[in-house]
Protein backbone atom coordinates (compact mmCIF):
# COMPACT_ATOMS: atom_id res chain seq x y z
CA MET A 1 16.50 3.28 -57.69
CA GLY A 2 17.07 1.61 -54.36
CA GLY A 3 13.44 2.77 -53.47
CA LEU A 4 12.10 1.38 -56.64
CA LEU A 5 13.66 -2.10 -56.35
CA THR A 6 12.65 -2.30 -52.67
CA LEU A 7 9.08 -1.30 -53.45
CA GLY A 8 9.05 -3.87 -56.31
CA GLY A 9 10.01 -6.71 -53.81
CA LEU A 10 7.47 -5.82 -51.49
CA VAL A 11 4.71 -5.79 -54.57
CA GLY A 12 6.02 -9.12 -55.62
CA TYR A 13 5.80 -10.69 -52.09
CA ALA A 14 2.34 -9.05 -51.60
CA LYS A 15 0.94 -10.25 -54.95
CA GLY A 16 2.38 -13.75 -54.93
CA LYS A 17 4.00 -14.47 -51.59
CA SER A 18 7.36 -14.57 -53.46
CA LEU A 19 10.06 -14.64 -50.80
CA PRO A 20 12.79 -14.61 -53.60
CA SER A 21 11.28 -11.24 -54.93
CA LEU A 22 11.13 -9.77 -51.28
CA LEU A 23 14.87 -10.66 -50.58
CA ALA A 24 16.11 -9.61 -53.79
CA GLY A 25 14.15 -6.25 -53.96
CA CYS A 26 15.27 -5.49 -50.47
CA THR A 27 18.86 -6.56 -50.85
CA LEU A 28 19.43 -4.91 -54.30
CA GLY A 29 17.44 -1.81 -53.17
CA GLY A 30 19.53 -1.55 -49.96
CA THR A 31 22.60 -1.93 -52.13
CA PHE A 32 21.73 1.01 -54.26
CA ALA A 33 20.86 3.06 -51.27
CA LEU A 34 24.41 2.24 -49.96
CA ALA A 35 26.14 3.22 -53.19
CA GLY A 36 24.19 6.71 -53.24
CA TYR A 37 25.06 7.23 -49.70
CA VAL A 38 28.82 6.52 -50.42
CA LEU A 39 28.51 8.80 -53.31
CA GLN A 40 26.79 11.71 -51.47
CA GLN A 41 29.37 11.40 -48.66
CA ASN A 42 32.30 11.60 -51.29
CA SER A 43 31.01 14.61 -53.37
CA GLY A 44 32.03 18.13 -53.18
CA GLU A 45 35.30 19.44 -51.97
CA THR A 46 35.90 17.18 -49.22
CA GLY A 47 35.26 14.03 -51.19
CA THR A 48 37.69 11.54 -52.36
CA ALA A 49 38.21 10.17 -55.72
CA SER A 50 38.58 6.53 -54.16
CA GLY A 51 35.36 7.00 -52.32
CA MET A 52 33.57 8.08 -55.46
CA ARG A 53 35.03 5.12 -57.15
CA GLN A 54 33.87 2.90 -54.43
CA GLY A 55 30.31 4.24 -54.67
CA HIS A 56 30.25 3.66 -58.49
CA ASP A 57 31.66 0.24 -58.07
CA VAL A 58 28.81 -0.77 -55.71
CA ALA A 59 26.22 0.64 -58.15
CA LEU A 60 27.77 -1.07 -61.00
CA GLY A 61 27.77 -4.43 -59.27
CA ALA A 62 24.12 -4.11 -58.14
CA SER A 63 23.23 -3.02 -61.82
CA THR A 64 24.98 -6.09 -63.17
CA VAL A 65 23.26 -8.21 -60.73
CA THR A 66 19.90 -6.75 -61.28
CA VAL A 67 20.13 -7.07 -65.09
CA GLY A 68 21.40 -10.58 -65.01
CA THR A 69 18.78 -11.94 -62.81
CA SER A 70 15.83 -10.39 -64.57
CA SER A 71 17.17 -11.41 -68.16
CA THR A 72 17.71 -14.94 -66.80
CA ASN A 73 14.29 -15.09 -65.46
CA ARG A 74 12.56 -13.81 -68.42
CA CYS A 75 14.48 -16.28 -70.47
CA ILE A 76 13.80 -19.30 -68.40
CA SER A 77 10.05 -18.78 -68.09
CA PRO A 78 7.60 -19.93 -70.85
CA CYS A 79 7.13 -16.45 -71.97
CA VAL A 80 8.95 -14.88 -75.03
CA CYS A 81 12.14 -13.16 -73.90
CA PRO A 82 12.14 -9.22 -74.50
CA ALA A 83 14.91 -9.32 -76.98
CA SER A 84 13.91 -10.13 -80.58
CA ASP A 85 14.87 -9.61 -84.06
CA THR A 86 12.50 -6.89 -85.11
CA ARG A 87 13.65 -6.97 -88.67
CA ALA A 88 12.53 -10.60 -89.11
CA GLY A 89 9.83 -10.33 -86.37
CA ILE A 90 11.24 -13.50 -84.81
CA PRO A 91 11.11 -13.62 -81.00
CA LEU A 92 14.35 -15.11 -79.29
CA GLN A 93 13.79 -17.74 -76.61
CA GLY A 94 16.33 -18.81 -74.09
């Protein structure tokens, strides 16, 4: 996940010179990598429950930021939000 977010930030910068994409991708990618490292160091017999908790908390925080920012960006743009009422076929806009 960390690698994909970092790659996405790099591609966003390469395609549109978007510095926010680069910063967000690298920051969130690094945060996910940190969470993975913390989880890996605290797995197995020598790991601690509090260390595993910290790794999950970091990953949850990064996930929340990722979903929140991508949802907000999609709803602010003039495009239709990905969420829609499929029964009525009515797209929801933010």
